[in-house]
Amino acid sequence: MRPPKQFSVYIMTDGPKSAVLYTGITGNLPHRVWQHRHKLTPGFTSRYNLTCLVYYERFFYPDAAINREKEIKGWRRSKKIELIESMNPRWEDLAKDWGDVYKPEPAANQREIPRPAGENAGLRDDARVTEPKAN
């Protein structure tokens, strides 16, 4: 049986007691942290080099995670710092020992769905193209 999906609200920064904090939400925290570290998604975190995970919470329901993310994003900086320090007083990178937990396969190793080619492209195998009968 597949484990239930979990959602994470997280805070990234560029170092200890940094001036820049980013709050986000994801359904796959190791993958998302890997994306931030390798700057695969253009935007705020790659622009400010936010590669250090300093806080996260897990949720089973996406609406609860979304509400928590909105709540944290609405806080003043001082309250966000209190939240981080309640879990991580030394501002250590909580994902530093994760290594490359999420390391995608090289493109050559990824399996692709074969695409049909030729006259019957896009048709099922059992479908036949028939010419209309002339009257």
N, C-alpha and C. Protein backbone atom coordinates (compact mmCIF):
# COMPACT_ATOMS: atom_id res chain seq x y z
N MET A 1 0.84 -1.18 0.00
CA MET A 1 0.00 0.00 0.00
C MET A 1 0.88 1.25 0.00
N ARG A 2 0.48 2.22 -0.80
CA ARG A 2 1.23 3.45 -0.92
C ARG A 2 1.04 4.32 0.32
N PRO A 3 2.14 4.94 0.84
CA PRO A 3 1.98 5.81 2.01
C PRO A 3 1.16 7.04 1.64
N PRO A 4 0.45 7.62 2.62
CA PRO A 4 -0.36 8.79 2.32
C PRO A 4 0.53 9.98 1.93
N LYS A 5 0.01 10.83 1.06
CA LYS A 5 0.72 12.03 0.61
C LYS A 5 0.83 12.98 1.79
N GLN A 6 1.98 13.62 1.91
CA GLN A 6 2.18 14.63 2.94
C GLN A 6 2.56 15.94 2.29
N PHE A 7 2.18 17.02 2.91
CA PHE A 7 2.48 18.35 2.41
C PHE A 7 3.33 19.06 3.45
N SER A 8 4.26 19.86 2.98
CA SER A 8 5.17 20.56 3.89
C SER A 8 5.13 22.06 3.64
N VAL A 9 5.13 22.80 4.73
CA VAL A 9 5.35 24.24 4.70
C VAL A 9 6.78 24.40 5.20
N TYR A 10 7.58 25.20 4.50
CA TYR A 10 9.00 25.27 4.84
C TYR A 10 9.51 26.70 4.72
N ILE A 11 10.65 26.94 5.36
CA ILE A 11 11.31 28.25 5.27
C ILE A 11 12.75 28.00 4.84
N MET A 12 13.14 28.71 3.78
CA MET A 12 14.51 28.65 3.25
C MET A 12 15.18 30.00 3.51
N THR A 13 16.52 29.95 3.65
CA THR A 13 17.31 31.17 3.80
C THR A 13 18.67 30.94 3.16
N ASP A 14 19.52 31.98 3.19
CA ASP A 14 20.85 31.83 2.59
C ASP A 14 21.95 31.64 3.62
N GLY A 15 21.61 31.55 4.88
CA GLY A 15 22.61 31.31 5.91
C GLY A 15 22.06 31.63 7.28
N PRO A 16 22.89 31.47 8.30
CA PRO A 16 22.43 31.70 9.67
C PRO A 16 21.95 33.14 9.88
N LYS A 17 20.81 33.27 10.50
CA LYS A 17 20.21 34.57 10.82
C LYS A 17 20.25 35.52 9.64
N SER A 18 19.91 34.99 8.51
CA SER A 18 19.94 35.74 7.27
C SER A 18 18.92 36.86 7.24
N ALA A 19 19.15 37.80 6.35
CA ALA A 19 18.20 38.89 6.16
C ALA A 19 17.05 38.46 5.25
N VAL A 20 17.24 37.35 4.51
CA VAL A 20 16.24 36.94 3.54
C VAL A 20 15.62 35.61 3.96
N LEU A 21 14.29 35.59 4.04
CA LEU A 21 13.55 34.37 4.36
C LEU A 21 12.52 34.12 3.28
N TYR A 22 12.33 32.85 2.93
CA TYR A 22 11.31 32.47 1.94
C TYR A 22 10.44 31.38 2.55
N THR A 23 9.15 31.56 2.52
CA THR A 23 8.21 30.55 3.00
C THR A 23 7.51 29.93 1.80
N GLY A 24 7.48 28.61 1.76
CA GLY A 24 6.85 27.93 0.64
C GLY A 24 6.08 26.69 1.08
N ILE A 25 5.46 26.04 0.12
CA ILE A 25 4.68 24.83 0.38
C ILE A 25 5.01 23.83 -0.74
N THR A 26 5.02 22.55 -0.40
CA THR A 26 5.31 21.52 -1.38
C THR A 26 4.73 20.18 -0.95
N GLY A 27 4.57 19.30 -1.92
CA GLY A 27 4.13 17.94 -1.66
C GLY A 27 5.30 16.96 -1.60
N ASN A 28 6.52 17.45 -1.85
CA ASN A 28 7.71 16.60 -1.83
C ASN A 28 8.89 17.46 -1.39
N LEU A 29 9.12 17.52 -0.08
CA LEU A 29 10.12 18.43 0.48
C LEU A 29 11.55 18.12 0.00
N PRO A 30 12.00 16.86 0.01
CA PRO A 30 13.37 16.61 -0.47
C PRO A 30 13.57 17.07 -1.92
N HIS A 31 12.58 16.82 -2.77
CA HIS A 31 12.67 17.24 -4.17
C HIS A 31 12.72 18.76 -4.28
N ARG A 32 11.87 19.44 -3.53
CA ARG A 32 11.80 20.89 -3.60
C ARG A 32 13.09 21.53 -3.11
N VAL A 33 13.65 21.02 -2.01
CA VAL A 33 14.92 21.54 -1.50
C VAL A 33 16.01 21.33 -2.54
N TRP A 34 16.02 20.17 -3.17
CA TRP A 34 16.99 19.88 -4.24
C TRP A 34 16.86 20.89 -5.37
N GLN A 35 15.63 21.21 -5.75
CA GLN A 35 15.40 22.21 -6.81
C GLN A 35 15.95 23.58 -6.40
N HIS A 36 15.70 23.98 -5.15
CA HIS A 36 16.20 25.26 -4.67
C HIS A 36 17.73 25.27 -4.69
N ARG A 37 18.34 24.22 -4.23
CA ARG A 37 19.81 24.16 -4.16
C ARG A 37 20.47 24.19 -5.53
N HIS A 38 19.81 23.60 -6.51
CA HIS A 38 20.37 23.56 -7.85
C HIS A 38 19.82 24.68 -8.75
N LYS A 39 19.07 25.59 -8.14
CA LYS A 39 18.52 26.76 -8.82
C LYS A 39 17.80 26.40 -10.11
N LEU A 40 16.95 25.38 -10.03
CA LEU A 40 16.24 24.89 -11.21
C LEU A 40 14.97 25.67 -11.51
N THR A 41 14.48 26.40 -10.53
CA THR A 41 13.29 27.20 -10.77
C THR A 41 13.65 28.67 -10.63
N PRO A 42 13.54 29.41 -11.72
CA PRO A 42 13.88 30.83 -11.64
C PRO A 42 12.91 31.55 -10.72
N GLY A 43 13.41 32.52 -10.01
CA GLY A 43 12.53 33.29 -9.13
C GLY A 43 13.28 33.75 -7.89
N PHE A 44 12.51 34.00 -6.86
CA PHE A 44 13.01 34.60 -5.62
C PHE A 44 14.14 33.79 -5.00
N THR A 45 13.95 32.47 -4.83
CA THR A 45 14.95 31.67 -4.12
C THR A 45 16.26 31.55 -4.90
N SER A 46 16.19 31.45 -6.22
CA SER A 46 17.43 31.36 -6.99
C SER A 46 18.11 32.73 -7.08
N ARG A 47 17.32 33.79 -7.16
CA ARG A 47 17.88 35.15 -7.23
C ARG A 47 18.65 35.49 -5.96
N TYR A 48 18.13 35.07 -4.81
CA TYR A 48 18.77 35.40 -3.52
C TYR A 48 19.57 34.24 -2.94
N ASN A 49 19.80 33.19 -3.71
CA ASN A 49 20.63 32.06 -3.30
C ASN A 49 20.14 31.43 -1.99
N LEU A 50 18.85 31.19 -1.89
CA LEU A 50 18.27 30.60 -0.68
C LEU A 50 18.35 29.08 -0.78
N THR A 51 19.34 28.51 -0.14
CA THR A 51 19.60 27.07 -0.27
C THR A 51 19.60 26.35 1.07
N CYS A 52 19.32 27.04 2.14
CA CYS A 52 19.39 26.45 3.49
C CYS A 52 17.98 26.29 4.06
N LEU A 53 17.59 25.05 4.34
CA LEU A 53 16.29 24.76 4.94
C LEU A 53 16.40 24.94 6.45
N VAL A 54 15.68 25.91 7.01
CA VAL A 54 15.80 26.17 8.45
C VAL A 54 14.54 25.81 9.23
N TYR A 55 13.45 25.53 8.54
CA TYR A 55 12.20 25.19 9.25
C TYR A 55 11.26 24.46 8.31
N TYR A 56 10.50 23.50 8.86
CA TYR A 56 9.42 22.88 8.10
C TYR A 56 8.40 22.25 9.03
N GLU A 57 7.19 22.14 8.53
CA GLU A 57 6.08 21.47 9.20
C GLU A 57 5.43 20.54 8.20
N ARG A 58 4.88 19.41 8.65
CA ARG A 58 4.22 18.46 7.75
C ARG A 58 2.71 18.44 8.03
N PHE A 59 1.95 18.22 6.94
CA PHE A 59 0.49 18.17 7.02
C PHE A 59 -0.02 17.02 6.15
N PHE A 60 -1.14 16.45 6.54
CA PHE A 60 -1.77 15.42 5.73
C PHE A 60 -2.79 16.00 4.76
N TYR A 61 -3.29 17.18 5.07
CA TYR A 61 -4.32 17.79 4.23
C TYR A 61 -3.77 19.04 3.56
N PRO A 62 -3.93 19.14 2.23
CA PRO A 62 -3.36 20.29 1.52
C PRO A 62 -3.94 21.63 1.97
N ASP A 63 -5.24 21.67 2.29
CA ASP A 63 -5.84 22.94 2.70
C ASP A 63 -5.25 23.43 4.02
N ALA A 64 -4.91 22.50 4.92
CA ALA A 64 -4.29 22.89 6.19
C ALA A 64 -2.90 23.47 5.94
N ALA A 65 -2.15 22.86 5.01
CA ALA A 65 -0.81 23.36 4.67
C ALA A 65 -0.89 24.73 4.01
N ILE A 66 -1.84 24.90 3.10
CA ILE A 66 -2.01 26.19 2.42
C ILE A 66 -2.36 27.29 3.42
N ASN A 67 -3.26 26.98 4.34
CA ASN A 67 -3.65 27.97 5.35
C ASN A 67 -2.47 28.34 6.25
N ARG A 68 -1.66 27.34 6.62
CA ARG A 68 -0.49 27.61 7.47
C ARG A 68 0.54 28.46 6.72
N GLU A 69 0.76 28.16 5.44
CA GLU A 69 1.70 28.95 4.65
C GLU A 69 1.24 30.41 4.59
N LYS A 70 -0.03 30.63 4.33
CA LYS A 70 -0.56 31.99 4.27
C LYS A 70 -0.41 32.70 5.62
N GLU A 71 -0.66 31.94 6.70
CA GLU A 71 -0.53 32.52 8.04
C GLU A 71 0.92 32.98 8.28
N ILE A 72 1.89 32.11 8.00
CA ILE A 72 3.29 32.45 8.22
C ILE A 72 3.73 33.61 7.33
N LYS A 73 3.30 33.60 6.07
CA LYS A 73 3.68 34.68 5.16
C LYS A 73 3.15 36.03 5.62
N GLY A 74 2.05 36.04 6.37
CA GLY A 74 1.49 37.29 6.87
C GLY A 74 2.15 37.80 8.14
N TRP A 75 3.05 37.02 8.72
CA TRP A 75 3.70 37.42 9.97
C TRP A 75 4.81 38.43 9.72
N ARG A 76 5.13 39.16 10.80
CA ARG A 76 6.30 40.02 10.79
C ARG A 76 7.55 39.15 10.86
N ARG A 77 8.65 39.71 10.44
CA ARG A 77 9.92 38.98 10.43
C ARG A 77 10.27 38.44 11.82
N SER A 78 10.07 39.24 12.85
CA SER A 78 10.43 38.82 14.22
C SER A 78 9.67 37.56 14.64
N LYS A 79 8.42 37.44 14.24
CA LYS A 79 7.64 36.26 14.60
C LYS A 79 8.11 35.03 13.81
N LYS A 80 8.52 35.23 12.55
CA LYS A 80 9.08 34.12 11.76
C LYS A 80 10.39 33.63 12.38
N ILE A 81 11.21 34.56 12.87
CA ILE A 81 12.47 34.18 13.52
C ILE A 81 12.19 33.39 14.79
N GLU A 82 11.20 33.79 15.56
CA GLU A 82 10.82 33.03 16.76
C GLU A 82 10.39 31.61 16.39
N LEU A 83 9.63 31.48 15.33
CA LEU A 83 9.17 30.17 14.87
C LEU A 83 10.37 29.30 14.48
N ILE A 84 11.28 29.84 13.71
CA ILE A 84 12.47 29.09 13.29
C ILE A 84 13.26 28.66 14.52
N GLU A 85 13.50 29.58 15.43
CA GLU A 85 14.33 29.28 16.60
C GLU A 85 13.66 28.34 17.58
N SER A 86 12.33 28.20 17.52
CA SER A 86 11.65 27.23 18.38
C SER A 86 11.98 25.80 17.96
N MET A 87 12.30 25.61 16.69
CA MET A 87 12.64 24.28 16.18
C MET A 87 14.14 24.15 15.92
N ASN A 88 14.77 25.24 15.55
CA ASN A 88 16.14 25.20 15.06
C ASN A 88 16.90 26.42 15.62
N PRO A 89 17.25 26.39 16.91
CA PRO A 89 17.84 27.58 17.54
C PRO A 89 19.18 28.03 16.94
N ARG A 90 19.94 27.11 16.33
CA ARG A 90 21.24 27.47 15.75
C ARG A 90 21.16 27.73 14.25
N TRP A 91 19.96 27.73 13.70
CA TRP A 91 19.75 28.01 12.28
C TRP A 91 20.57 27.06 11.40
N GLU A 92 20.64 25.82 11.79
CA GLU A 92 21.37 24.83 10.99
C GLU A 92 20.55 24.46 9.77
N ASP A 93 21.22 24.01 8.73
CA ASP A 93 20.53 23.53 7.53
C ASP A 93 19.95 22.16 7.86
N LEU A 94 18.64 22.08 7.96
CA LEU A 94 17.98 20.83 8.36
C LEU A 94 18.09 19.75 7.29
N ALA A 95 18.46 20.13 6.08
CA ALA A 95 18.57 19.17 4.98
C ALA A 95 20.03 18.89 4.62
N LYS A 96 20.97 19.30 5.46
CA LYS A 96 22.39 19.15 5.09
C LYS A 96 22.80 17.69 4.96
N ASP A 97 22.18 16.79 5.71
CA ASP A 97 22.53 15.37 5.64
C ASP A 97 21.69 14.60 4.64
N TRP A 98 20.82 15.29 3.95
CA TRP A 98 19.98 14.62 2.96
C TRP A 98 20.76 14.24 1.73
N GLY A 99 21.91 14.90 1.51
CA GLY A 99 22.69 14.62 0.31
C GLY A 99 21.85 14.84 -0.92
N ASP A 100 21.92 13.91 -1.82
CA ASP A 100 21.10 13.99 -3.03
C ASP A 100 20.00 12.94 -2.93
N VAL A 101 19.17 13.07 -1.87
CA VAL A 101 18.06 12.14 -1.69
C VAL A 101 17.22 12.10 -2.95
N TYR A 102 16.97 13.28 -3.48
CA TYR A 102 16.23 13.33 -4.73
C TYR A 102 17.24 13.64 -5.82
N LYS A 103 17.56 12.66 -6.61
CA LYS A 103 18.46 12.86 -7.73
C LYS A 103 17.77 12.26 -8.94
N PRO A 104 17.24 13.11 -9.84
CA PRO A 104 16.52 12.57 -10.99
C PRO A 104 17.44 11.78 -11.90
N GLU A 105 16.87 10.81 -12.61
CA GLU A 105 17.64 10.03 -13.56
C GLU A 105 18.05 10.91 -14.73
N PRO A 106 19.22 10.62 -15.33
CA PRO A 106 19.58 11.36 -16.54
C PRO A 106 18.52 11.16 -17.62
N ALA A 107 18.38 12.12 -18.49
CA ALA A 107 17.33 12.08 -19.51
C ALA A 107 17.39 10.80 -20.34
N ALA A 108 18.57 10.27 -20.58
CA ALA A 108 18.71 9.07 -21.40
C ALA A 108 18.10 7.85 -20.71
N ASN A 109 18.06 7.86 -19.39
CA ASN A 109 17.54 6.70 -18.65
C ASN A 109 16.04 6.79 -18.38
N GLN A 110 15.45 7.95 -18.59
CA GLN A 110 14.03 8.09 -18.32
C GLN A 110 13.24 7.37 -19.39
N ARG A 111 12.22 6.68 -18.96
CA ARG A 111 11.37 5.95 -19.90
C ARG A 111 10.35 6.90 -20.48
N GLU A 112 10.23 6.89 -21.79
CA GLU A 112 9.25 7.73 -22.45
C GLU A 112 8.16 6.86 -23.04
N ILE A 113 6.98 7.41 -23.14
CA ILE A 113 5.87 6.71 -23.77
C ILE A 113 6.09 6.80 -25.27
N PRO A 114 6.13 5.66 -25.95
CA PRO A 114 6.36 5.72 -27.39
C PRO A 114 5.21 6.44 -28.10
N ARG A 115 5.55 7.22 -29.07
CA ARG A 115 4.56 7.95 -29.85
C ARG A 115 4.35 7.23 -31.19
N PRO A 116 3.11 7.14 -31.66
CA PRO A 116 2.88 6.50 -32.96
C PRO A 116 3.42 7.38 -34.08
N ALA A 117 3.80 6.75 -35.16
CA ALA A 117 4.33 7.50 -36.29
C ALA A 117 3.65 7.03 -37.57
N GLY A 118 3.77 7.82 -38.59
CA GLY A 118 3.24 7.42 -39.89
C GLY A 118 1.82 7.88 -40.11
N GLU A 119 1.14 7.24 -41.08
CA GLU A 119 -0.21 7.63 -41.48
C GLU A 119 -1.21 7.56 -40.33
N ASN A 120 -1.08 6.53 -39.53
CA ASN A 120 -2.07 6.30 -38.48
C ASN A 120 -1.66 6.93 -37.15
N ALA A 121 -0.79 7.92 -37.16
CA ALA A 121 -0.33 8.56 -35.93
C ALA A 121 -1.52 9.07 -35.13
N GLY A 122 -1.52 8.75 -33.87
CA GLY A 122 -2.59 9.21 -33.00
C GLY A 122 -3.77 8.26 -32.91
N LEU A 123 -3.80 7.20 -33.69
CA LEU A 123 -4.91 6.25 -33.65
C LEU A 123 -4.55 5.05 -32.79
N ARG A 124 -5.55 4.42 -32.22
CA ARG A 124 -5.32 3.19 -31.46
C ARG A 124 -4.82 2.11 -32.40
N ASP A 125 -4.20 1.10 -31.85
CA ASP A 125 -3.69 -0.01 -32.67
C ASP A 125 -4.81 -0.73 -33.41
N ASP A 126 -5.98 -0.82 -32.80
CA ASP A 126 -7.06 -1.58 -33.42
C ASP A 126 -7.94 -0.72 -34.34
N ALA A 127 -7.64 0.57 -34.43
CA ALA A 127 -8.43 1.45 -35.29
C ALA A 127 -7.91 1.35 -36.72
N ARG A 128 -8.78 1.42 -37.65
CA ARG A 128 -8.42 1.34 -39.07
C ARG A 128 -8.91 2.60 -39.77
N VAL A 129 -8.11 3.08 -40.67
CA VAL A 129 -8.52 4.21 -41.48
C VAL A 129 -9.21 3.62 -42.70
N THR A 130 -10.45 4.01 -42.90
CA THR A 130 -11.18 3.51 -44.09
C THR A 130 -11.55 4.67 -44.97
N GLU A 131 -11.45 4.44 -46.23
CA GLU A 131 -11.81 5.46 -47.22
C GLU A 131 -13.32 5.47 -47.34
N PRO A 132 -13.95 6.64 -47.50
CA PRO A 132 -15.40 6.68 -47.71
C PRO A 132 -15.74 6.05 -49.05
N LYS A 133 -16.83 5.31 -49.09
CA LYS A 133 -17.26 4.64 -50.32
C LYS A 133 -17.89 5.65 -51.27
N ALA A 134 -17.53 5.52 -52.53
CA ALA A 134 -18.11 6.43 -53.54
C ALA A 134 -19.47 5.92 -53.95
N ASN A 135 -20.42 6.80 -54.12
CA ASN A 135 -21.80 6.40 -54.50
C ASN A 135 -21.94 6.30 -55.97
